[in-house]
Amino acid sequence: MDLSIDKKTFEEIAEAIHSDASPVGIDAKKTHVLILEKLIQIENRLTAIEKKLQG
């Protein structure tokens, strides 16, 4: 499985979740919100595909 990501996208994500206040360098809450938002988008796309396939 190839999990490569282009440098521009990587940098955009890294900038969005960065936090100087966190000991690990990322804002965990913001990171989780972004992940959940992407999962919701994927779920919505799958639902639309399933509806098209059902006719």
Protein backbone atom coordinates (compact mmCIF):
# COMPACT_ATOMS: atom_id res chain seq x y z
CA MET A 1 0.00 0.00 0.00
CA ASP A 2 1.38 3.34 -1.03
CA LEU A 3 0.74 6.02 1.57
CA SER A 4 2.82 8.72 -0.09
CA ILE A 5 1.49 12.25 -0.10
CA ASP A 6 2.71 15.16 -2.18
CA LYS A 7 4.90 17.66 -0.34
CA LYS A 8 2.46 20.58 -0.71
CA THR A 9 -0.44 18.63 0.80
CA PHE A 10 1.81 17.31 3.56
CA GLU A 11 2.94 20.83 4.46
CA GLU A 12 -0.64 22.16 4.43
CA ILE A 13 -1.78 19.42 6.81
CA ALA A 14 1.28 19.82 9.04
CA GLU A 15 0.68 23.57 9.27
CA ALA A 16 -3.02 23.07 10.05
CA ILE A 17 -2.40 20.72 12.98
CA HIS A 18 0.83 22.26 14.35
CA SER A 19 0.88 23.44 17.95
CA ASP A 20 3.81 24.92 19.85
CA ALA A 21 1.84 24.39 23.07
CA SER A 22 1.73 20.61 22.65
CA PRO A 23 4.62 18.39 23.77
CA VAL A 24 4.27 16.35 20.56
CA GLY A 25 3.97 19.40 18.30
CA ILE A 26 0.38 18.90 17.12
CA ASP A 27 -3.02 19.98 18.35
CA ALA A 28 -4.72 16.66 19.08
CA LYS A 29 -8.23 18.13 19.12
CA LYS A 30 -7.78 19.86 15.77
CA THR A 31 -6.21 16.69 14.33
CA HIS A 32 -9.16 14.57 15.42
CA VAL A 33 -11.68 17.07 14.08
CA LEU A 34 -9.91 17.06 10.68
CA ILE A 35 -9.88 13.25 10.63
CA LEU A 36 -13.56 13.05 11.54
CA GLU A 37 -14.46 15.64 8.89
CA LYS A 38 -12.63 13.62 6.23
CA LEU A 39 -14.37 10.43 7.36
CA ILE A 40 -17.75 12.17 7.09
CA GLN A 41 -16.86 13.33 3.57
CA ILE A 42 -15.88 9.77 2.61
CA GLU A 43 -19.09 8.39 4.11
CA ASN A 44 -21.15 10.91 2.13
CA ARG A 45 -19.36 10.02 -1.10
CA LEU A 46 -19.87 6.31 -0.49
CA THR A 47 -23.55 6.86 0.19
CA ALA A 48 -23.89 8.77 -3.09
CA ILE A 49 -22.09 5.99 -4.98
CA GLU A 50 -24.27 3.32 -3.38
CA LYS A 51 -27.42 5.23 -4.38
CA LYS A 52 -26.21 5.47 -7.98
CA LEU A 53 -25.40 1.75 -8.06
CA GLN A 54 -28.85 0.84 -6.70
CA GLY A 55 -30.42 2.62 -9.60
